[in-house]
Amino acid sequence: MTNVFFPEDKVTTDDLYFVCYMIERIARQLKQPNKYVANAMGHDELAKKLSLADVLHSENPLAVAADWIDEYQLKSGHYDVEAVNPELCNNIPTATQMGKVYKRLIINTLQNGEDFADGILRVYNNPICEVIDNYNSSAYYEPSPYIARSYYAGTF
């Protein structure tokens, strides 16, 4: 993906990871599904954040999250991915871990002509995310190729 501000630069997979991590962090903070955050930002804004990620990653993530919440007027909800059955899940994955899961899924399913912003919107709006984000199941810690095959199959 080409950087929207500096066309001679490329957006890297590390930049994709940072944006996925921030989406996860904000969604958890607001108790919203990840797709809410991604859809509220939209393609063009996601492309801008991906292009700025190499700079934003050195900022305080709490400040970046607060800026994005304010910038996109994101509202609190009632979707709490951390509300799990302790008998089924005793270790909730961190936002950084889930950022990596989604980064790998986006990369492993990237389609021809699709940029990372398109990939973010496509993946986060897929129903398979409800399974991945259900930490009472094992979907989130399955190997990346298995998650990608499950994405294409539509189920685990």
N, C-alpha and C. Protein backbone atom coordinates (compact mmCIF):
# COMPACT_ATOMS: atom_id res chain seq x y z
N MET A 1 0.85 -1.18 0.00
CA MET A 1 0.00 0.00 0.00
C MET A 1 0.89 1.23 0.00
N THR A 2 0.54 2.21 -0.80
CA THR A 2 1.28 3.45 -0.89
C THR A 2 0.83 4.42 0.19
N ASN A 3 1.78 5.10 0.81
CA ASN A 3 1.50 6.12 1.81
C ASN A 3 0.75 7.26 1.13
N VAL A 4 -0.38 7.69 1.71
CA VAL A 4 -1.19 8.74 1.08
C VAL A 4 -0.55 10.12 1.17
N PHE A 5 0.36 10.31 2.10
CA PHE A 5 1.02 11.61 2.26
C PHE A 5 2.35 11.68 1.53
N PHE A 6 3.04 10.56 1.44
CA PHE A 6 4.33 10.47 0.79
C PHE A 6 4.32 9.29 -0.18
N PRO A 7 3.86 9.52 -1.40
CA PRO A 7 3.67 8.43 -2.36
C PRO A 7 4.91 7.58 -2.63
N GLU A 8 6.08 8.09 -2.33
CA GLU A 8 7.30 7.30 -2.53
C GLU A 8 7.51 6.28 -1.40
N ASP A 9 6.77 6.41 -0.31
CA ASP A 9 6.87 5.49 0.82
C ASP A 9 5.75 4.46 0.78
N LYS A 10 6.02 3.31 1.36
CA LYS A 10 5.03 2.24 1.45
C LYS A 10 4.55 2.09 2.89
N VAL A 11 3.30 1.75 3.05
CA VAL A 11 2.75 1.38 4.35
C VAL A 11 3.18 -0.06 4.59
N THR A 12 3.70 -0.34 5.77
CA THR A 12 4.24 -1.66 6.07
C THR A 12 3.23 -2.50 6.87
N THR A 13 3.56 -3.76 7.03
CA THR A 13 2.72 -4.63 7.85
C THR A 13 2.79 -4.20 9.32
N ASP A 14 3.89 -3.58 9.74
CA ASP A 14 3.96 -3.05 11.10
C ASP A 14 2.97 -1.90 11.28
N ASP A 15 2.80 -1.09 10.25
CA ASP A 15 1.81 -0.01 10.29
C ASP A 15 0.40 -0.59 10.39
N LEU A 16 0.16 -1.66 9.64
CA LEU A 16 -1.13 -2.35 9.72
C LEU A 16 -1.37 -2.88 11.13
N TYR A 17 -0.34 -3.49 11.71
CA TYR A 17 -0.46 -4.00 13.08
C TYR A 17 -0.83 -2.88 14.04
N PHE A 18 -0.17 -1.73 13.94
CA PHE A 18 -0.45 -0.62 14.85
C PHE A 18 -1.91 -0.19 14.75
N VAL A 19 -2.43 -0.05 13.55
CA VAL A 19 -3.81 0.38 13.38
C VAL A 19 -4.77 -0.68 13.91
N CYS A 20 -4.50 -1.95 13.67
CA CYS A 20 -5.35 -3.02 14.21
C CYS A 20 -5.32 -3.01 15.74
N TYR A 21 -4.14 -2.79 16.30
CA TYR A 21 -4.00 -2.70 17.76
C TYR A 21 -4.82 -1.53 18.30
N MET A 22 -4.75 -0.37 17.66
CA MET A 22 -5.50 0.80 18.13
C MET A 22 -7.00 0.58 17.99
N ILE A 23 -7.43 -0.06 16.92
CA ILE A 23 -8.85 -0.38 16.77
C ILE A 23 -9.30 -1.26 17.92
N GLU A 24 -8.51 -2.27 18.23
CA GLU A 24 -8.84 -3.18 19.34
C GLU A 24 -8.87 -2.44 20.66
N ARG A 25 -7.87 -1.60 20.91
CA ARG A 25 -7.78 -0.85 22.17
C ARG A 25 -8.99 0.06 22.35
N ILE A 26 -9.34 0.77 21.30
CA ILE A 26 -10.46 1.71 21.36
C ILE A 26 -11.78 0.95 21.52
N ALA A 27 -11.95 -0.13 20.76
CA ALA A 27 -13.19 -0.91 20.85
C ALA A 27 -13.38 -1.44 22.26
N ARG A 28 -12.32 -1.93 22.87
CA ARG A 28 -12.43 -2.43 24.25
C ARG A 28 -12.77 -1.30 25.22
N GLN A 29 -12.10 -0.18 25.04
CA GLN A 29 -12.33 0.96 25.93
C GLN A 29 -13.78 1.43 25.85
N LEU A 30 -14.33 1.46 24.64
CA LEU A 30 -15.70 1.95 24.44
C LEU A 30 -16.76 0.86 24.56
N LYS A 31 -16.31 -0.38 24.72
CA LYS A 31 -17.23 -1.52 24.75
C LYS A 31 -18.08 -1.57 23.47
N GLN A 32 -17.35 -1.56 22.36
CA GLN A 32 -17.95 -1.64 21.03
C GLN A 32 -17.24 -2.76 20.26
N PRO A 33 -17.88 -3.33 19.25
CA PRO A 33 -17.18 -4.28 18.39
C PRO A 33 -16.14 -3.55 17.54
N ASN A 34 -15.11 -4.26 17.13
CA ASN A 34 -14.05 -3.65 16.32
C ASN A 34 -14.61 -3.01 15.05
N LYS A 35 -15.60 -3.66 14.45
CA LYS A 35 -16.14 -3.12 13.20
C LYS A 35 -16.76 -1.74 13.39
N TYR A 36 -17.27 -1.44 14.58
CA TYR A 36 -17.82 -0.11 14.85
C TYR A 36 -16.73 0.94 14.66
N VAL A 37 -15.57 0.69 15.24
CA VAL A 37 -14.46 1.66 15.14
C VAL A 37 -13.99 1.77 13.70
N ALA A 38 -13.76 0.63 13.05
CA ALA A 38 -13.27 0.63 11.67
C ALA A 38 -14.26 1.33 10.73
N ASN A 39 -15.54 1.02 10.87
CA ASN A 39 -16.56 1.62 10.00
C ASN A 39 -16.72 3.11 10.26
N ALA A 40 -16.60 3.52 11.51
CA ALA A 40 -16.71 4.95 11.84
C ALA A 40 -15.57 5.74 11.20
N MET A 41 -14.41 5.12 11.10
CA MET A 41 -13.27 5.79 10.48
C MET A 41 -13.41 5.80 8.96
N GLY A 42 -13.79 4.69 8.38
CA GLY A 42 -13.95 4.59 6.93
C GLY A 42 -12.61 4.42 6.22
N HIS A 43 -12.70 4.09 4.95
CA HIS A 43 -11.51 3.77 4.16
C HIS A 43 -10.48 4.88 4.12
N ASP A 44 -10.89 6.09 3.78
CA ASP A 44 -9.93 7.18 3.59
C ASP A 44 -9.21 7.53 4.88
N GLU A 45 -9.94 7.56 5.98
CA GLU A 45 -9.31 7.87 7.27
C GLU A 45 -8.41 6.72 7.74
N LEU A 46 -8.82 5.49 7.49
CA LEU A 46 -7.94 4.36 7.81
C LEU A 46 -6.65 4.44 7.00
N ALA A 47 -6.77 4.81 5.73
CA ALA A 47 -5.57 4.95 4.89
C ALA A 47 -4.65 6.04 5.44
N LYS A 48 -5.22 7.11 5.94
CA LYS A 48 -4.40 8.18 6.55
C LYS A 48 -3.71 7.68 7.82
N LYS A 49 -4.47 6.98 8.67
CA LYS A 49 -3.87 6.48 9.92
C LYS A 49 -2.80 5.44 9.62
N LEU A 50 -3.00 4.60 8.62
CA LEU A 50 -1.97 3.64 8.21
C LEU A 50 -0.73 4.37 7.72
N SER A 51 -0.92 5.47 7.02
CA SER A 51 0.20 6.25 6.50
C SER A 51 0.96 6.99 7.59
N LEU A 52 0.29 7.28 8.68
CA LEU A 52 0.92 7.99 9.81
C LEU A 52 1.39 7.05 10.92
N ALA A 53 1.11 5.77 10.78
CA ALA A 53 1.38 4.82 11.86
C ALA A 53 2.84 4.77 12.28
N ASP A 54 3.77 4.96 11.33
CA ASP A 54 5.19 4.90 11.70
C ASP A 54 5.58 6.02 12.65
N VAL A 55 4.80 7.08 12.67
CA VAL A 55 5.03 8.19 13.62
C VAL A 55 4.16 8.00 14.87
N LEU A 56 2.90 7.63 14.66
CA LEU A 56 1.96 7.49 15.78
C LEU A 56 2.35 6.40 16.76
N HIS A 57 3.06 5.37 16.30
CA HIS A 57 3.39 4.28 17.21
C HIS A 57 4.32 4.71 18.33
N SER A 58 5.01 5.84 18.16
CA SER A 58 5.90 6.33 19.22
C SER A 58 5.17 7.24 20.21
N GLU A 59 3.93 7.53 19.94
CA GLU A 59 3.11 8.34 20.85
C GLU A 59 2.52 7.46 21.95
N ASN A 60 2.04 8.09 23.01
CA ASN A 60 1.36 7.37 24.07
C ASN A 60 0.07 6.79 23.50
N PRO A 61 -0.11 5.44 23.57
CA PRO A 61 -1.32 4.85 22.97
C PRO A 61 -2.62 5.35 23.60
N LEU A 62 -2.58 5.72 24.87
CA LEU A 62 -3.79 6.27 25.50
C LEU A 62 -4.17 7.60 24.87
N ALA A 63 -3.16 8.42 24.57
CA ALA A 63 -3.41 9.71 23.93
C ALA A 63 -3.89 9.52 22.49
N VAL A 64 -3.29 8.57 21.78
CA VAL A 64 -3.73 8.30 20.41
C VAL A 64 -5.18 7.82 20.42
N ALA A 65 -5.51 6.92 21.34
CA ALA A 65 -6.89 6.43 21.44
C ALA A 65 -7.85 7.57 21.74
N ALA A 66 -7.48 8.42 22.67
CA ALA A 66 -8.35 9.56 23.03
C ALA A 66 -8.53 10.48 21.83
N ASP A 67 -7.47 10.72 21.07
CA ASP A 67 -7.57 11.57 19.88
C ASP A 67 -8.50 10.96 18.84
N TRP A 68 -8.38 9.66 18.59
CA TRP A 68 -9.22 9.00 17.60
C TRP A 68 -10.67 8.98 18.05
N ILE A 69 -10.91 8.75 19.33
CA ILE A 69 -12.29 8.75 19.86
C ILE A 69 -12.92 10.12 19.64
N ASP A 70 -12.17 11.16 19.93
CA ASP A 70 -12.66 12.52 19.74
C ASP A 70 -12.82 12.86 18.26
N GLU A 71 -11.81 12.53 17.47
CA GLU A 71 -11.81 12.87 16.04
C GLU A 71 -12.98 12.24 15.29
N TYR A 72 -13.30 10.99 15.63
CA TYR A 72 -14.36 10.27 14.92
C TYR A 72 -15.66 10.21 15.71
N GLN A 73 -15.72 10.95 16.81
CA GLN A 73 -16.91 11.06 17.65
C GLN A 73 -17.48 9.67 17.99
N LEU A 74 -16.59 8.81 18.46
CA LEU A 74 -16.98 7.44 18.80
C LEU A 74 -17.70 7.42 20.14
N LYS A 75 -18.73 6.62 20.23
CA LYS A 75 -19.58 6.56 21.43
C LYS A 75 -19.42 5.22 22.14
N SER A 76 -19.68 5.23 23.43
CA SER A 76 -19.63 4.00 24.22
C SER A 76 -20.82 3.11 23.90
N GLY A 77 -20.60 1.81 24.09
CA GLY A 77 -21.66 0.83 23.85
C GLY A 77 -21.71 -0.17 24.98
N HIS A 78 -22.18 -1.36 24.68
CA HIS A 78 -22.36 -2.40 25.69
C HIS A 78 -21.76 -3.74 25.26
N TYR A 79 -20.90 -3.73 24.27
CA TYR A 79 -20.28 -4.96 23.75
C TYR A 79 -18.94 -5.14 24.46
N ASP A 80 -18.90 -6.03 25.42
CA ASP A 80 -17.69 -6.20 26.22
C ASP A 80 -17.03 -7.53 25.90
N VAL A 81 -15.97 -7.51 25.09
CA VAL A 81 -15.28 -8.75 24.73
C VAL A 81 -14.58 -9.39 25.93
N GLU A 82 -14.37 -8.60 26.97
CA GLU A 82 -13.67 -9.11 28.14
C GLU A 82 -14.61 -9.77 29.16
N ALA A 83 -15.90 -9.74 28.90
CA ALA A 83 -16.88 -10.40 29.77
C ALA A 83 -16.93 -11.88 29.38
N VAL A 84 -16.08 -12.67 30.00
CA VAL A 84 -15.95 -14.08 29.65
C VAL A 84 -16.30 -14.96 30.84
N ASN A 85 -16.56 -16.21 30.55
CA ASN A 85 -16.77 -17.20 31.58
C ASN A 85 -15.40 -17.63 32.10
N PRO A 86 -15.07 -17.37 33.36
CA PRO A 86 -13.73 -17.68 33.87
C PRO A 86 -13.41 -19.18 33.84
N GLU A 87 -14.42 -20.02 33.75
CA GLU A 87 -14.17 -21.45 33.63
C GLU A 87 -13.71 -21.84 32.23
N LEU A 88 -14.04 -21.01 31.25
CA LEU A 88 -13.67 -21.28 29.87
C LEU A 88 -12.45 -20.49 29.42
N CYS A 89 -12.23 -19.34 30.03
CA CYS A 89 -11.13 -18.46 29.62
C CYS A 89 -10.54 -17.80 30.85
N ASN A 90 -9.35 -18.20 31.22
CA ASN A 90 -8.74 -17.57 32.39
C ASN A 90 -7.71 -16.52 32.02
N ASN A 91 -7.34 -16.43 30.75
CA ASN A 91 -6.42 -15.40 30.28
C ASN A 91 -6.99 -14.74 29.04
N ILE A 92 -7.47 -13.53 29.19
CA ILE A 92 -8.00 -12.78 28.05
C ILE A 92 -6.82 -12.25 27.25
N PRO A 93 -6.84 -12.42 25.92
CA PRO A 93 -5.73 -11.88 25.13
C PRO A 93 -5.70 -10.36 25.21
N THR A 94 -4.50 -9.82 25.15
CA THR A 94 -4.34 -8.37 25.21
C THR A 94 -4.72 -7.73 23.88
N ALA A 95 -4.88 -6.43 23.90
CA ALA A 95 -5.18 -5.69 22.66
C ALA A 95 -4.02 -5.84 21.67
N THR A 96 -2.79 -5.89 22.16
CA THR A 96 -1.65 -6.06 21.26
C THR A 96 -1.68 -7.45 20.62
N GLN A 97 -2.03 -8.47 21.40
CA GLN A 97 -2.13 -9.82 20.84
C GLN A 97 -3.21 -9.89 19.77
N MET A 98 -4.35 -9.29 20.04
CA MET A 98 -5.44 -9.34 19.06
C MET A 98 -5.12 -8.48 17.84
N GLY A 99 -4.37 -7.40 18.02
CA GLY A 99 -3.91 -6.62 16.87
C GLY A 99 -3.10 -7.48 15.92
N LYS A 100 -2.26 -8.34 16.49
CA LYS A 100 -1.45 -9.26 15.67
C LYS A 100 -2.32 -10.30 14.98
N VAL A 101 -3.32 -10.82 15.67
CA VAL A 101 -4.22 -11.81 15.07
C VAL A 101 -4.90 -11.20 13.85
N TYR A 102 -5.43 -9.99 14.00
CA TYR A 102 -6.14 -9.36 12.89
C TYR A 102 -5.19 -8.92 11.79
N LYS A 103 -4.01 -8.45 12.13
CA LYS A 103 -3.02 -8.10 11.10
C LYS A 103 -2.73 -9.30 10.23
N ARG A 104 -2.46 -10.45 10.86
CA ARG A 104 -2.13 -11.66 10.10
C ARG A 104 -3.32 -12.11 9.25
N LEU A 105 -4.54 -12.01 9.79
CA LEU A 105 -5.72 -12.40 9.01
C LEU A 105 -5.88 -11.50 7.79
N ILE A 106 -5.69 -10.22 7.96
CA ILE A 106 -5.80 -9.29 6.83
C ILE A 106 -4.74 -9.60 5.78
N ILE A 107 -3.51 -9.81 6.21
CA ILE A 107 -2.43 -10.11 5.26
C ILE A 107 -2.68 -11.43 4.56
N ASN A 108 -3.11 -12.45 5.31
CA ASN A 108 -3.33 -13.78 4.73
C ASN A 108 -4.52 -13.85 3.80
N THR A 109 -5.41 -12.86 3.85
CA THR A 109 -6.60 -12.89 2.99
C THR A 109 -6.65 -11.69 2.04
N LEU A 110 -5.58 -10.91 1.98
CA LEU A 110 -5.56 -9.72 1.13
C LEU A 110 -5.82 -10.11 -0.33
N GLN A 111 -6.72 -9.41 -0.95
CA GLN A 111 -7.14 -9.73 -2.31
C GLN A 111 -6.41 -8.84 -3.30
N ASN A 112 -6.35 -9.27 -4.56
CA ASN A 112 -5.69 -8.48 -5.61
C ASN A 112 -6.34 -7.10 -5.71
N GLY A 113 -5.52 -6.08 -5.76
CA GLY A 113 -6.01 -4.71 -5.90
C GLY A 113 -6.53 -4.11 -4.61
N GLU A 114 -6.45 -4.84 -3.53
CA GLU A 114 -6.95 -4.37 -2.24
C GLU A 114 -5.80 -3.77 -1.43
N ASP A 115 -6.05 -2.63 -0.80
CA ASP A 115 -5.03 -2.08 0.09
C ASP A 115 -5.37 -2.46 1.53
N PHE A 116 -4.50 -2.08 2.47
CA PHE A 116 -4.71 -2.48 3.86
C PHE A 116 -6.00 -1.89 4.44
N ALA A 117 -6.37 -0.68 4.04
CA ALA A 117 -7.62 -0.08 4.54
C ALA A 117 -8.82 -0.90 4.07
N ASP A 118 -8.80 -1.33 2.80
CA ASP A 118 -9.87 -2.21 2.30
C ASP A 118 -9.90 -3.50 3.10
N GLY A 119 -8.72 -4.06 3.36
CA GLY A 119 -8.62 -5.32 4.10
C GLY A 119 -9.17 -5.20 5.51
N ILE A 120 -8.86 -4.09 6.16
CA ILE A 120 -9.39 -3.86 7.52
C ILE A 120 -10.91 -3.86 7.50
N LEU A 121 -11.49 -3.11 6.60
CA LEU A 121 -12.95 -3.03 6.54
C LEU A 121 -13.58 -4.38 6.17
N ARG A 122 -12.98 -5.09 5.25
CA ARG A 122 -13.51 -6.39 4.83
C ARG A 122 -13.47 -7.39 5.98
N VAL A 123 -12.32 -7.48 6.64
CA VAL A 123 -12.17 -8.47 7.71
C VAL A 123 -13.02 -8.13 8.92
N TYR A 124 -12.96 -6.88 9.39
CA TYR A 124 -13.71 -6.53 10.59
C TYR A 124 -15.22 -6.60 10.40
N ASN A 125 -15.70 -6.54 9.16
CA ASN A 125 -17.13 -6.64 8.90
C ASN A 125 -17.58 -8.06 8.58
N ASN A 126 -16.66 -9.01 8.64
CA ASN A 126 -17.00 -10.40 8.39
C ASN A 126 -17.53 -11.03 9.67
N PRO A 127 -18.57 -11.85 9.58
CA PRO A 127 -19.13 -12.50 10.78
C PRO A 127 -18.13 -13.37 11.54
N ILE A 128 -17.06 -13.81 10.91
CA ILE A 128 -16.08 -14.65 11.59
C ILE A 128 -15.45 -13.92 12.77
N CYS A 129 -15.46 -12.58 12.75
CA CYS A 129 -14.89 -11.80 13.85
C CYS A 129 -15.65 -12.02 15.15
N GLU A 130 -16.93 -12.30 15.05
CA GLU A 130 -17.69 -12.58 16.27
C GLU A 130 -17.18 -13.85 16.94
N VAL A 131 -16.73 -14.80 16.15
CA VAL A 131 -16.17 -16.05 16.69
C VAL A 131 -14.78 -15.78 17.25
N ILE A 132 -13.96 -15.05 16.49
CA ILE A 132 -12.60 -14.75 16.93
C ILE A 132 -12.63 -13.95 18.24
N ASP A 133 -13.56 -13.01 18.34
CA ASP A 133 -13.65 -12.15 19.52
C ASP A 133 -14.39 -12.79 20.69
N ASN A 134 -14.86 -13.99 20.53
CA ASN A 134 -15.48 -14.72 21.63
C ASN A 134 -14.38 -15.49 22.34
N TYR A 135 -13.86 -14.91 23.41
CA TYR A 135 -12.71 -15.50 24.10
C TYR A 135 -13.08 -16.74 24.91
N ASN A 136 -14.35 -17.09 24.96
CA ASN A 136 -14.76 -18.36 25.57
C ASN A 136 -14.44 -19.53 24.63
N SER A 137 -14.12 -19.21 23.38
CA SER A 137 -13.73 -20.25 22.42
C SER A 137 -12.22 -20.15 22.18
N SER A 138 -11.71 -21.05 21.39
CA SER A 138 -10.26 -21.07 21.15
C SER A 138 -9.87 -20.42 19.83
N ALA A 139 -10.80 -19.83 19.14
CA ALA A 139 -10.54 -19.34 17.79
C ALA A 139 -9.39 -18.34 17.73
N TYR A 140 -9.29 -17.43 18.67
CA TYR A 140 -8.30 -16.37 18.59
C TYR A 140 -6.87 -16.86 18.70
N TYR A 141 -6.64 -18.01 19.30
CA TYR A 141 -5.26 -18.47 19.41
C TYR A 141 -4.93 -19.64 18.49
N GLU A 142 -5.78 -19.90 17.54
CA GLU A 142 -5.48 -20.91 16.53
C GLU A 142 -4.37 -20.38 15.62
N PRO A 143 -3.63 -21.26 14.96
CA PRO A 143 -2.59 -20.80 14.03
C PRO A 143 -3.16 -19.93 12.91
N SER A 144 -2.39 -18.95 12.47
CA SER A 144 -2.85 -18.00 11.45
C SER A 144 -3.38 -18.66 10.18
N PRO A 145 -2.72 -19.69 9.65
CA PRO A 145 -3.28 -20.33 8.44
C PRO A 145 -4.66 -20.95 8.69
N TYR A 146 -4.85 -21.49 9.88
CA TYR A 146 -6.16 -22.07 10.22
C TYR A 146 -7.23 -20.99 10.31
N ILE A 147 -6.88 -19.85 10.90
CA ILE A 147 -7.84 -18.74 10.99
C ILE A 147 -8.19 -18.25 9.58
N ALA A 148 -7.19 -18.15 8.70
CA ALA A 148 -7.45 -17.71 7.33
C ALA A 148 -8.35 -18.70 6.60
N ARG A 149 -8.10 -20.00 6.75
CA ARG A 149 -8.96 -21.00 6.11
C ARG A 149 -10.38 -20.93 6.68
N SER A 150 -10.48 -20.69 7.97
CA SER A 150 -11.80 -20.55 8.59
C SER A 150 -12.52 -19.32 8.08
N TYR A 151 -11.78 -18.25 7.83
CA TYR A 151 -12.35 -17.04 7.27
C TYR A 151 -13.00 -17.37 5.92
N TYR A 152 -12.24 -18.08 5.07
CA TYR A 152 -12.77 -18.42 3.75
C TYR A 152 -13.93 -19.40 3.83
N ALA A 153 -13.89 -20.29 4.81
CA ALA A 153 -14.97 -21.27 4.98
C ALA A 153 -16.19 -20.65 5.65
N GLY A 154 -16.00 -19.55 6.34
CA GLY A 154 -17.11 -18.88 7.02
C GLY A 154 -17.39 -19.43 8.40
N THR A 155 -16.57 -20.35 8.87
CA THR A 155 -16.78 -20.94 10.19
C THR A 155 -15.50 -21.65 10.64
N PHE A 156 -15.43 -21.89 11.93
CA PHE A 156 -14.29 -22.63 12.48
C PHE A 156 -14.63 -24.09 12.56
